[in-house]
Amino acid sequence: QTVDGFASELELGQTVVHQLPANSQAYLVCIEGSLKVNGKTVTKYDACEIVGHQEGKSAIDIQATGREATENGDVAHLLMFTMPLVPGSGRTDLE
């Protein structure tokens, strides 16, 4: 399976937007600090699944809302993995 991995360190208030291709999904893990992902709060060790649109790109809006002291300064740190959407995959117990 094709998987792309991304790592990012964001300073407080910094925003990054990732364009998720059509028929794709993403898993994002907040490692340090806290984030708003498409308006929803994700804190340290939280993860979320994002499913893109079937046609056209879907924007994933990520903003650092909390920071943590790291060897690279005070940042929010995240990992995100994107992959093709497979119908029926992923969690179905959460809304």
PDB file of N, CA and C in Angstrom:
ATOM      1  N   GLN A   1       0.841  -1.183   0.000  1.00  0.00           N
ATOM      2  CA  GLN A   1       0.000   0.000   0.000  1.00  0.00           C
ATOM      3  C   GLN A   1       0.882   1.242   0.000  1.00  0.00           C
ATOM      4  N   THR A   2       0.450   2.262  -0.690  1.00  0.00           N
ATOM      5  CA  THR A   2       1.164   3.527  -0.758  1.00  0.00           C
ATOM      6  C   THR A   2       0.849   4.353   0.477  1.00  0.00           C
ATOM      7  N   VAL A   3       1.889   4.773   1.203  1.00  0.00           N
ATOM      8  CA  VAL A   3       1.724   5.615   2.388  1.00  0.00           C
ATOM      9  C   VAL A   3       2.758   6.725   2.329  1.00  0.00           C
ATOM     10  N   ASP A   4       2.319   7.947   2.596  1.00  0.00           N
ATOM     11  CA  ASP A   4       3.230   9.083   2.719  1.00  0.00           C
ATOM     12  C   ASP A   4       3.237   9.517   4.167  1.00  0.00           C
ATOM     13  N   GLY A   5       4.411   9.810   4.719  1.00  0.00           N
ATOM     14  CA  GLY A   5       4.544  10.245   6.103  1.00  0.00           C
ATOM     15  C   GLY A   5       5.060  11.678   6.180  1.00  0.00           C
ATOM     16  N   PHE A   6       4.529  12.421   7.138  1.00  0.00           N
ATOM     17  CA  PHE A   6       4.909  13.812   7.339  1.00  0.00           C
ATOM     18  C   PHE A   6       5.155  14.050   8.829  1.00  0.00           C
ATOM     19  N   ALA A   7       6.155  14.847   9.135  1.00  0.00           N
ATOM     20  CA  ALA A   7       6.413  15.286  10.513  1.00  0.00           C
ATOM     21  C   ALA A   7       6.490  16.797  10.486  1.00  0.00           C
ATOM     22  N   SER A   8       5.937  17.441  11.514  1.00  0.00           N
ATOM     23  CA  SER A   8       5.961  18.892  11.554  1.00  0.00           C
ATOM     24  C   SER A   8       6.068  19.381  12.993  1.00  0.00           C
ATOM     25  N   GLU A   9       6.824  20.446  13.162  1.00  0.00           N
ATOM     26  CA  GLU A   9       6.896  21.170  14.435  1.00  0.00           C
ATOM     27  C   GLU A   9       6.357  22.564  14.173  1.00  0.00           C
ATOM     28  N   LEU A  10       5.312  22.945  14.907  1.00  0.00           N
ATOM     29  CA  LEU A  10       4.672  24.237  14.715  1.00  0.00           C
ATOM     30  C   LEU A  10       4.816  25.088  15.963  1.00  0.00           C
ATOM     31  N   GLU A  11       5.109  26.356  15.776  1.00  0.00           N
ATOM     32  CA  GLU A  11       5.142  27.293  16.891  1.00  0.00           C
ATOM     33  C   GLU A  11       3.717  27.709  17.222  1.00  0.00           C
ATOM     34  N   LEU A  12       3.502  28.191  18.436  1.00  0.00           N
ATOM     35  CA  LEU A  12       2.172  28.579  18.898  1.00  0.00           C
ATOM     36  C   LEU A  12       1.506  29.519  17.895  1.00  0.00           C
ATOM     37  N   GLY A  13       0.296  29.171  17.479  1.00  0.00           N
ATOM     38  CA  GLY A  13      -0.462  29.978  16.537  1.00  0.00           C
ATOM     39  C   GLY A  13      -0.147  29.710  15.078  1.00  0.00           C
ATOM     40  N   GLN A  14       0.933  29.007  14.803  1.00  0.00           N
ATOM     41  CA  GLN A  14       1.300  28.709  13.420  1.00  0.00           C
ATOM     42  C   GLN A  14       0.314  27.708  12.820  1.00  0.00           C
ATOM     43  N   THR A  15      -0.008  27.918  11.553  1.00  0.00           N
ATOM     44  CA  THR A  15      -0.960  27.061  10.854  1.00  0.00           C
ATOM     45  C   THR A  15      -0.317  26.488   9.603  1.00  0.00           C
ATOM     46  N   VAL A  16      -0.647  25.251   9.301  1.00  0.00           N
ATOM     47  CA  VAL A  16      -0.239  24.617   8.052  1.00  0.00           C
ATOM     48  C   VAL A  16      -1.485  23.949   7.469  1.00  0.00           C
ATOM     49  N   VAL A  17      -1.600  23.991   6.154  1.00  0.00           N
ATOM     50  CA  VAL A  17      -2.725  23.354   5.476  1.00  0.00           C
ATOM     51  C   VAL A  17      -2.170  22.279   4.546  1.00  0.00           C
ATOM     52  N   HIS A  18      -2.691  21.073   4.689  1.00  0.00           N
ATOM     53  CA  HIS A  18      -2.294  19.957   3.825  1.00  0.00           C
ATOM     54  C   HIS A  18      -3.475  19.635   2.917  1.00  0.00           C
ATOM     55  N   GLN A  19      -3.206  19.531   1.636  1.00  0.00           N
ATOM     56  CA  GLN A  19      -4.254  19.181   0.669  1.00  0.00           C
ATOM     57  C   GLN A  19      -4.273  17.667   0.491  1.00  0.00           C
ATOM     58  N   LEU A  20      -5.311  17.047   1.016  1.00  0.00           N
ATOM     59  CA  LEU A  20      -5.471  15.597   0.920  1.00  0.00           C
ATOM     60  C   LEU A  20      -6.094  15.265  -0.437  1.00  0.00           C
ATOM     61  N   PRO A  21      -5.425  14.470  -1.259  1.00  0.00           N
ATOM     62  CA  PRO A  21      -5.971  14.145  -2.585  1.00  0.00           C
ATOM     63  C   PRO A  21      -7.322  13.428  -2.490  1.00  0.00           C
ATOM     64  N   ALA A  22      -8.062  13.479  -3.587  1.00  0.00           N
ATOM     65  CA  ALA A  22      -9.351  12.773  -3.655  1.00  0.00           C
ATOM     66  C   ALA A  22      -9.140  11.295  -3.359  1.00  0.00           C
ATOM     67  N   ASN A  23     -10.137  10.694  -2.749  1.00  0.00           N
ATOM     68  CA  ASN A  23     -10.115   9.265  -2.415  1.00  0.00           C
ATOM     69  C   ASN A  23      -8.926   8.878  -1.546  1.00  0.00           C
ATOM     70  N   SER A  24      -8.591   9.752  -0.602  1.00  0.00           N
ATOM     71  CA  SER A  24      -7.492   9.485   0.336  1.00  0.00           C
ATOM     72  C   SER A  24      -7.975   9.648   1.761  1.00  0.00           C
ATOM     73  N   GLN A  25      -7.161   9.143   2.685  1.00  0.00           N
ATOM     74  CA  GLN A  25      -7.431   9.318   4.114  1.00  0.00           C
ATOM     75  C   GLN A  25      -6.113   9.624   4.803  1.00  0.00           C
ATOM     76  N   ALA A  26      -6.214  10.196   6.001  1.00  0.00           N
ATOM     77  CA  ALA A  26      -5.018  10.550   6.766  1.00  0.00           C
ATOM     78  C   ALA A  26      -5.221  10.161   8.223  1.00  0.00           C
ATOM     79  N   TYR A  27      -4.114   9.814   8.871  1.00  0.00           N
ATOM     80  CA  TYR A  27      -4.082   9.593  10.312  1.00  0.00           C
ATOM     81  C   TYR A  27      -3.074  10.573  10.875  1.00  0.00           C
ATOM     82  N   LEU A  28      -3.495  11.368  11.848  1.00  0.00           N
ATOM     83  CA  LEU A  28      -2.642  12.387  12.445  1.00  0.00           C
ATOM     84  C   LEU A  28      -2.494  12.098  13.926  1.00  0.00           C
ATOM     85  N   VAL A  29      -1.265  12.160  14.432  1.00  0.00           N
ATOM     86  CA  VAL A  29      -0.967  11.943  15.849  1.00  0.00           C
ATOM     87  C   VAL A  29      -0.268  13.184  16.386  1.00  0.00           C
ATOM     88  N   CYS A  30      -0.789  13.734  17.479  1.00  0.00           N
ATOM     89  CA  CYS A  30      -0.151  14.862  18.157  1.00  0.00           C
ATOM     90  C   CYS A  30       0.842  14.281  19.164  1.00  0.00           C
ATOM     91  N   ILE A  31       2.120  14.570  18.968  1.00  0.00           N
ATOM     92  CA  ILE A  31       3.155  14.009  19.835  1.00  0.00           C
ATOM     93  C   ILE A  31       3.474  14.925  21.007  1.00  0.00           C
ATOM     94  N   GLU A  32       3.487  16.223  20.743  1.00  0.00           N
ATOM     95  CA  GLU A  32       3.785  17.212  21.795  1.00  0.00           C
ATOM     96  C   GLU A  32       2.917  18.439  21.570  1.00  0.00           C
ATOM     97  N   GLY A  33       2.510  19.076  22.664  1.00  0.00           N
ATOM     98  CA  GLY A  33       1.681  20.273  22.560  1.00  0.00           C
ATOM     99  C   GLY A  33       0.235  19.916  22.282  1.00  0.00           C
ATOM    100  N   SER A  34      -0.485  20.843  21.623  1.00  0.00           N
ATOM    101  CA  SER A  34      -1.869  20.598  21.236  1.00  0.00           C
ATOM    102  C   SER A  34      -2.151  21.320  19.928  1.00  0.00           C
ATOM    103  N   LEU A  35      -3.185  20.820  19.235  1.00  0.00           N
ATOM    104  CA  LEU A  35      -3.506  21.302  17.896  1.00  0.00           C
ATOM    105  C   LEU A  35      -5.002  21.484  17.738  1.00  0.00           C
ATOM    106  N   LYS A  36      -5.385  22.276  16.747  1.00  0.00           N
ATOM    107  CA  LYS A  36      -6.749  22.278  16.216  1.00  0.00           C
ATOM    108  C   LYS A  36      -6.626  21.703  14.819  1.00  0.00           C
ATOM    109  N   VAL A  37      -7.356  20.634  14.556  1.00  0.00           N
ATOM    110  CA  VAL A  37      -7.349  19.982  13.246  1.00  0.00           C
ATOM    111  C   VAL A  37      -8.753  20.123  12.676  1.00  0.00           C
ATOM    112  N   ASN A  38      -8.871  20.932  11.636  1.00  0.00           N
ATOM    113  CA  ASN A  38     -10.186  21.253  11.059  1.00  0.00           C
ATOM    114  C   ASN A  38     -11.173  21.667  12.155  1.00  0.00           C
ATOM    115  N   GLY A  39     -10.683  22.478  13.099  1.00  0.00           N
ATOM    116  CA  GLY A  39     -11.528  23.041  14.153  1.00  0.00           C
ATOM    117  C   GLY A  39     -11.711  22.175  15.381  1.00  0.00           C
ATOM    118  N   LYS A  40     -11.194  20.953  15.383  1.00  0.00           N
ATOM    119  CA  LYS A  40     -11.333  20.054  16.536  1.00  0.00           C
ATOM    120  C   LYS A  40     -10.024  19.969  17.292  1.00  0.00           C
ATOM    121  N   THR A  41     -10.096  19.943  18.619  1.00  0.00           N
ATOM    122  CA  THR A  41      -8.908  19.924  19.467  1.00  0.00           C
ATOM    123  C   THR A  41      -8.298  18.527  19.528  1.00  0.00           C
ATOM    124  N   VAL A  42      -6.986  18.488  19.347  1.00  0.00           N
ATOM    125  CA  VAL A  42      -6.210  17.250  19.462  1.00  0.00           C
ATOM    126  C   VAL A  42      -5.057  17.573  20.412  1.00  0.00           C
ATOM    127  N   THR A  43      -4.957  16.841  21.523  1.00  0.00           N
ATOM    128  CA  THR A  43      -3.914  17.104  22.510  1.00  0.00           C
ATOM    129  C   THR A  43      -2.856  15.999  22.478  1.00  0.00           C
ATOM    130  N   LYS A  44      -1.834  16.178  23.284  1.00  0.00           N
ATOM    131  CA  LYS A  44      -0.709  15.251  23.317  1.00  0.00           C
ATOM    132  C   LYS A  44      -1.189  13.799  23.398  1.00  0.00           C
ATOM    133  N   TYR A  45      -0.669  12.981  22.498  1.00  0.00           N
ATOM    134  CA  TYR A  45      -0.954  11.548  22.358  1.00  0.00           C
ATOM    135  C   TYR A  45      -2.334  11.241  21.772  1.00  0.00           C
ATOM    136  N   ASP A  46      -3.114  12.276  21.413  1.00  0.00           N
ATOM    137  CA  ASP A  46      -4.373  12.046  20.706  1.00  0.00           C
ATOM    138  C   ASP A  46      -4.086  11.786  19.234  1.00  0.00           C
ATOM    139  N   ALA A  47      -4.996  11.099  18.585  1.00  0.00           N
ATOM    140  CA  ALA A  47      -4.895  10.860  17.154  1.00  0.00           C
ATOM    141  C   ALA A  47      -6.259  11.077  16.520  1.00  0.00           C
ATOM    142  N   CYS A  48      -6.248  11.312  15.212  1.00  0.00           N
ATOM    143  CA  CYS A  48      -7.523  11.445  14.508  1.00  0.00           C
ATOM    144  C   CYS A  48      -7.385  10.873  13.102  1.00  0.00           C
ATOM    145  N   GLU A  49      -8.510  10.457  12.572  1.00  0.00           N
ATOM    146  CA  GLU A  49      -8.597   9.933  11.215  1.00  0.00           C
ATOM    147  C   GLU A  49      -9.360  10.950  10.383  1.00  0.00           C
ATOM    148  N   ILE A  50      -8.832  11.295   9.216  1.00  0.00           N
ATOM    149  CA  ILE A  50      -9.468  12.268   8.338  1.00  0.00           C
ATOM    150  C   ILE A  50      -9.704  11.590   7.004  1.00  0.00           C
ATOM    151  N   VAL A  51     -10.942  11.627   6.538  1.00  0.00           N
ATOM    152  CA  VAL A  51     -11.300  11.003   5.267  1.00  0.00           C
ATOM    153  C   VAL A  51     -11.586  12.113   4.269  1.00  0.00           C
ATOM    154  N   GLY A  52     -10.929  12.040   3.107  1.00  0.00           N
ATOM    155  CA  GLY A  52     -11.099  13.062   2.076  1.00  0.00           C
ATOM    156  C   GLY A  52     -12.354  12.857   1.252  1.00  0.00           C
ATOM    157  N   HIS A  53     -12.617  13.846   0.416  1.00  0.00           N
ATOM    158  CA  HIS A  53     -13.755  13.778  -0.498  1.00  0.00           C
ATOM    159  C   HIS A  53     -13.466  12.788  -1.626  1.00  0.00           C
ATOM    160  N   GLN A  54     -14.515  12.287  -2.229  1.00  0.00           N
ATOM    161  CA  GLN A  54     -14.318  11.369  -3.344  1.00  0.00           C
ATOM    162  C   GLN A  54     -13.873  12.100  -4.602  1.00  0.00           C
ATOM    163  N   GLU A  55     -14.233  13.381  -4.707  1.00  0.00           N
ATOM    164  CA  GLU A  55     -13.814  14.170  -5.860  1.00  0.00           C
ATOM    165  C   GLU A  55     -13.151  15.447  -5.367  1.00  0.00           C
ATOM    166  N   GLY A  56     -12.019  15.774  -5.919  1.00  0.00           N
ATOM    167  CA  GLY A  56     -11.311  16.986  -5.535  1.00  0.00           C
ATOM    168  C   GLY A  56     -10.540  16.812  -4.236  1.00  0.00           C
ATOM    169  N   LYS A  57      -9.691  17.773  -3.964  1.00  0.00           N
ATOM    170  CA  LYS A  57      -8.859  17.714  -2.764  1.00  0.00           C
ATOM    171  C   LYS A  57      -9.626  18.192  -1.536  1.00  0.00           C
ATOM    172  N   SER A  58      -9.213  17.705  -0.378  1.00  0.00           N
ATOM    173  CA  SER A  58      -9.778  18.117   0.914  1.00  0.00           C
ATOM    174  C   SER A  58      -8.672  18.780   1.721  1.00  0.00           C
ATOM    175  N   ALA A  59      -8.959  19.959   2.246  1.00  0.00           N
ATOM    176  CA  ALA A  59      -7.962  20.679   3.044  1.00  0.00           C
ATOM    177  C   ALA A  59      -7.967  20.161   4.475  1.00  0.00           C
ATOM    178  N   ILE A  60      -6.774  19.896   5.007  1.00  0.00           N
ATOM    179  CA  ILE A  60      -6.611  19.586   6.424  1.00  0.00           C
ATOM    180  C   ILE A  60      -5.924  20.801   7.033  1.00  0.00           C
ATOM    181  N   ASP A  61      -6.665  21.543   7.853  1.00  0.00           N
ATOM    182  CA  ASP A  61      -6.177  22.774   8.474  1.00  0.00           C
ATOM    183  C   ASP A  61      -5.659  22.439   9.872  1.00  0.00           C
ATOM    184  N   ILE A  62      -4.360  22.623  10.091  1.00  0.00           N
ATOM    185  CA  ILE A  62      -3.721  22.248  11.361  1.00  0.00           C
ATOM    186  C   ILE A  62      -3.116  23.494  11.990  1.00  0.00           C
ATOM    187  N   GLN A  63      -3.531  23.810  13.219  1.00  0.00           N
ATOM    188  CA  GLN A  63      -3.006  24.986  13.924  1.00  0.00           C
ATOM    189  C   GLN A  63      -2.491  24.580  15.300  1.00  0.00           C
ATOM    190  N   ALA A  64      -1.313  25.092  15.661  1.00  0.00           N
ATOM    191  CA  ALA A  64      -0.753  24.837  16.993  1.00  0.00           C
ATOM    192  C   ALA A  64      -1.461  25.721  18.011  1.00  0.00           C
ATOM    193  N   THR A  65      -2.073  25.090  19.013  1.00  0.00           N
ATOM    194  CA  THR A  65      -2.782  25.836  20.059  1.00  0.00           C
ATOM    195  C   THR A  65      -2.103  25.708  21.418  1.00  0.00           C
ATOM    196  N   GLY A  66      -1.174  24.791  21.536  1.00  0.00           N
ATOM    197  CA  GLY A  66      -0.404  24.606  22.762  1.00  0.00           C
ATOM    198  C   GLY A  66       0.975  24.131  22.386  1.00  0.00           C
ATOM    199  N   ARG A  67       1.936  24.436  23.202  1.00  0.00           N
ATOM    200  CA  ARG A  67       3.312  24.043  22.886  1.00  0.00           C
ATOM    201  C   ARG A  67       3.944  23.355  24.074  1.00  0.00           C
ATOM    202  N   GLU A  68       5.040  22.700  23.791  1.00  0.00           N
ATOM    203  CA  GLU A  68       5.761  21.960  24.813  1.00  0.00           C
ATOM    204  C   GLU A  68       7.253  22.183  24.598  1.00  0.00           C
ATOM    205  N   ALA A  69       8.003  22.254  25.684  1.00  0.00           N
ATOM    206  CA  ALA A  69       9.452  22.449  25.582  1.00  0.00           C
ATOM    207  C   ALA A  69      10.100  21.205  24.992  1.00  0.00           C
ATOM    208  N   THR A  70      10.834  21.379  23.891  1.00  0.00           N
ATOM    209  CA  THR A  70      11.552  20.286  23.245  1.00  0.00           C
ATOM    210  C   THR A  70      12.982  20.739  22.988  1.00  0.00           C
ATOM    211  N   GLU A  71      13.797  19.829  22.487  1.00  0.00           N
ATOM    212  CA  GLU A  71      15.177  20.198  22.163  1.00  0.00           C
ATOM    213  C   GLU A  71      15.239  21.218  21.028  1.00  0.00           C
ATOM    214  N   ASN A  72      14.131  21.395  20.292  1.00  0.00           N
ATOM    215  CA  ASN A  72      14.066  22.371  19.207  1.00  0.00           C
ATOM    216  C   ASN A  72      13.282  23.622  19.588  1.00  0.00           C
ATOM    217  N   GLY A  73      13.042  23.823  20.878  1.00  0.00           N
ATOM    218  CA  GLY A  73      12.275  24.980  21.337  1.00  0.00           C
ATOM    219  C   GLY A  73      10.878  24.584  21.765  1.00  0.00           C
ATOM    220  N   ASP A  74      10.047  25.579  22.003  1.00  0.00           N
ATOM    221  CA  ASP A  74       8.665  25.358  22.431  1.00  0.00           C
ATOM    222  C   ASP A  74       7.781  25.214  21.197  1.00  0.00           C
ATOM    223  N   VAL A  75       7.323  24.007  20.941  1.00  0.00           N
ATOM    224  CA  VAL A  75       6.571  23.721  19.717  1.00  0.00           C
ATOM    225  C   VAL A  75       5.461  22.708  19.978  1.00  0.00           C
ATOM    226  N   ALA A  76       4.560  22.605  19.003  1.00  0.00           N
ATOM    227  CA  ALA A  76       3.643  21.472  18.907  1.00  0.00           C
ATOM    228  C   ALA A  76       4.225  20.570  17.825  1.00  0.00           C
ATOM    229  N   HIS A  77       4.196  19.262  18.046  1.00  0.00           N
ATOM    230  CA  HIS A  77       4.859  18.311  17.156  1.00  0.00           C
ATOM    231  C   HIS A  77       3.823  17.281  16.719  1.00  0.00           C
ATOM    232  N   LEU A  78       3.767  16.998  15.416  1.00  0.00           N
ATOM    233  CA  LEU A  78       2.792  16.038  14.918  1.00  0.00           C
ATOM    234  C   LEU A  78       3.399  15.124  13.874  1.00  0.00           C
ATOM    235  N   LEU A  79       2.786  13.961  13.734  1.00  0.00           N
ATOM    236  CA  LEU A  79       3.072  13.030  12.648  1.00  0.00           C
ATOM    237  C   LEU A  79       1.760  12.794  11.908  1.00  0.00           C
ATOM    238  N   MET A  80       1.841  12.735  10.573  1.00  0.00           N
ATOM    239  CA  MET A  80       0.645  12.467   9.781  1.00  0.00           C
ATOM    240  C   MET A  80       1.007  11.498   8.667  1.00  0.00           C
ATOM    241  N   PHE A  81       0.137  10.541   8.450  1.00  0.00           N
ATOM    242  CA  PHE A  81       0.308   9.546   7.398  1.00  0.00           C
ATOM    243  C   PHE A  81      -0.902   9.609   6.479  1.00  0.00           C
ATOM    244  N   THR A  82      -0.656   9.682   5.173  1.00  0.00           N
ATOM    245  CA  THR A  82      -1.748   9.702   4.204  1.00  0.00           C
ATOM    246  C   THR A  82      -1.647   8.472   3.321  1.00  0.00           C
ATOM    247  N   MET A  83      -2.803   8.004   2.879  1.00  0.00           N
ATOM    248  CA  MET A  83      -2.863   6.787   2.069  1.00  0.00           C
ATOM    249  C   MET A  83      -4.165   6.771   1.285  1.00  0.00           C
ATOM    250  N   PRO A  84      -4.245   5.925   0.258  1.00  0.00           N
ATOM    251  CA  PRO A  84      -5.505   5.802  -0.470  1.00  0.00           C
ATOM    252  C   PRO A  84      -6.633   5.334   0.454  1.00  0.00           C
ATOM    253  N   LEU A  85      -7.823   5.842   0.199  1.00  0.00           N
ATOM    254  CA  LEU A  85      -8.997   5.435   0.968  1.00  0.00           C
ATOM    255  C   LEU A  85      -9.433   4.048   0.523  1.00  0.00           C
ATOM    256  N   VAL A  86      -9.590   3.169   1.488  1.00  0.00           N
ATOM    257  CA  VAL A  86     -10.074   1.813   1.218  1.00  0.00           C
ATOM    258  C   VAL A  86     -11.438   1.698   1.893  1.00  0.00           C
ATOM    259  N   PRO A  87     -12.523   1.579   1.120  1.00  0.00           N
ATOM    260  CA  PRO A  87     -13.843   1.489   1.719  1.00  0.00           C
ATOM    261  C   PRO A  87     -13.918   0.383   2.778  1.00  0.00           C
ATOM    262  N   GLY A  88     -14.476   0.733   3.927  1.00  0.00           N
ATOM    263  CA  GLY A  88     -14.620  -0.215   5.015  1.00  0.00           C
ATOM    264  C   GLY A  88     -13.429  -0.275   5.949  1.00  0.00           C
ATOM    265  N   SER A  89     -12.358   0.453   5.622  1.00  0.00           N
ATOM    266  CA  SER A  89     -11.196   0.440   6.518  1.00  0.00           C
ATOM    267  C   SER A  89     -11.347   1.527   7.571  1.00  0.00           C
ATOM    268  N   GLY A  90     -10.482   1.499   8.547  1.00  0.00           N
ATOM    269  CA  GLY A  90     -10.519   2.502   9.604  1.00  0.00           C
ATOM    270  C   GLY A  90     -11.546   2.177  10.673  1.00  0.00           C
ATOM    271  N   ARG A  91     -11.616   3.063  11.657  1.00  0.00           N
ATOM    272  CA  ARG A  91     -12.541   2.853  12.768  1.00  0.00           C
ATOM    273  C   ARG A  91     -13.956   3.209  12.375  1.00  0.00           C
ATOM    274  N   THR A  92     -14.883   2.431  12.867  1.00  0.00           N
ATOM    275  CA  THR A  92     -16.295   2.721  12.611  1.00  0.00           C
ATOM    276  C   THR A  92     -17.052   2.975  13.896  1.00  0.00           C
ATOM    277  N   ASP A  93     -16.342   2.961  15.033  1.00  0.00           N
ATOM    278  CA  ASP A  93     -17.006   3.122  16.331  1.00  0.00           C
ATOM    279  C   ASP A  93     -17.017   4.572  16.799  1.00  0.00           C
ATOM    280  N   LEU A  94     -16.408   5.472  16.045  1.00  0.00           N
ATOM    281  CA  LEU A  94     -16.352   6.873  16.433  1.00  0.00           C
ATOM    282  C   LEU A  94     -17.017   7.734  15.377  1.00  0.00           C
ATOM    283  N   GLU A  95     -17.617   8.800  15.805  1.00  0.00           N
ATOM    284  CA  GLU A  95     -18.214   9.773  14.873  1.00  0.00           C
ATOM    285  C   GLU A  95     -17.492  11.071  15.010  1.00  0.00           C
TER     286      GLU A  95
END
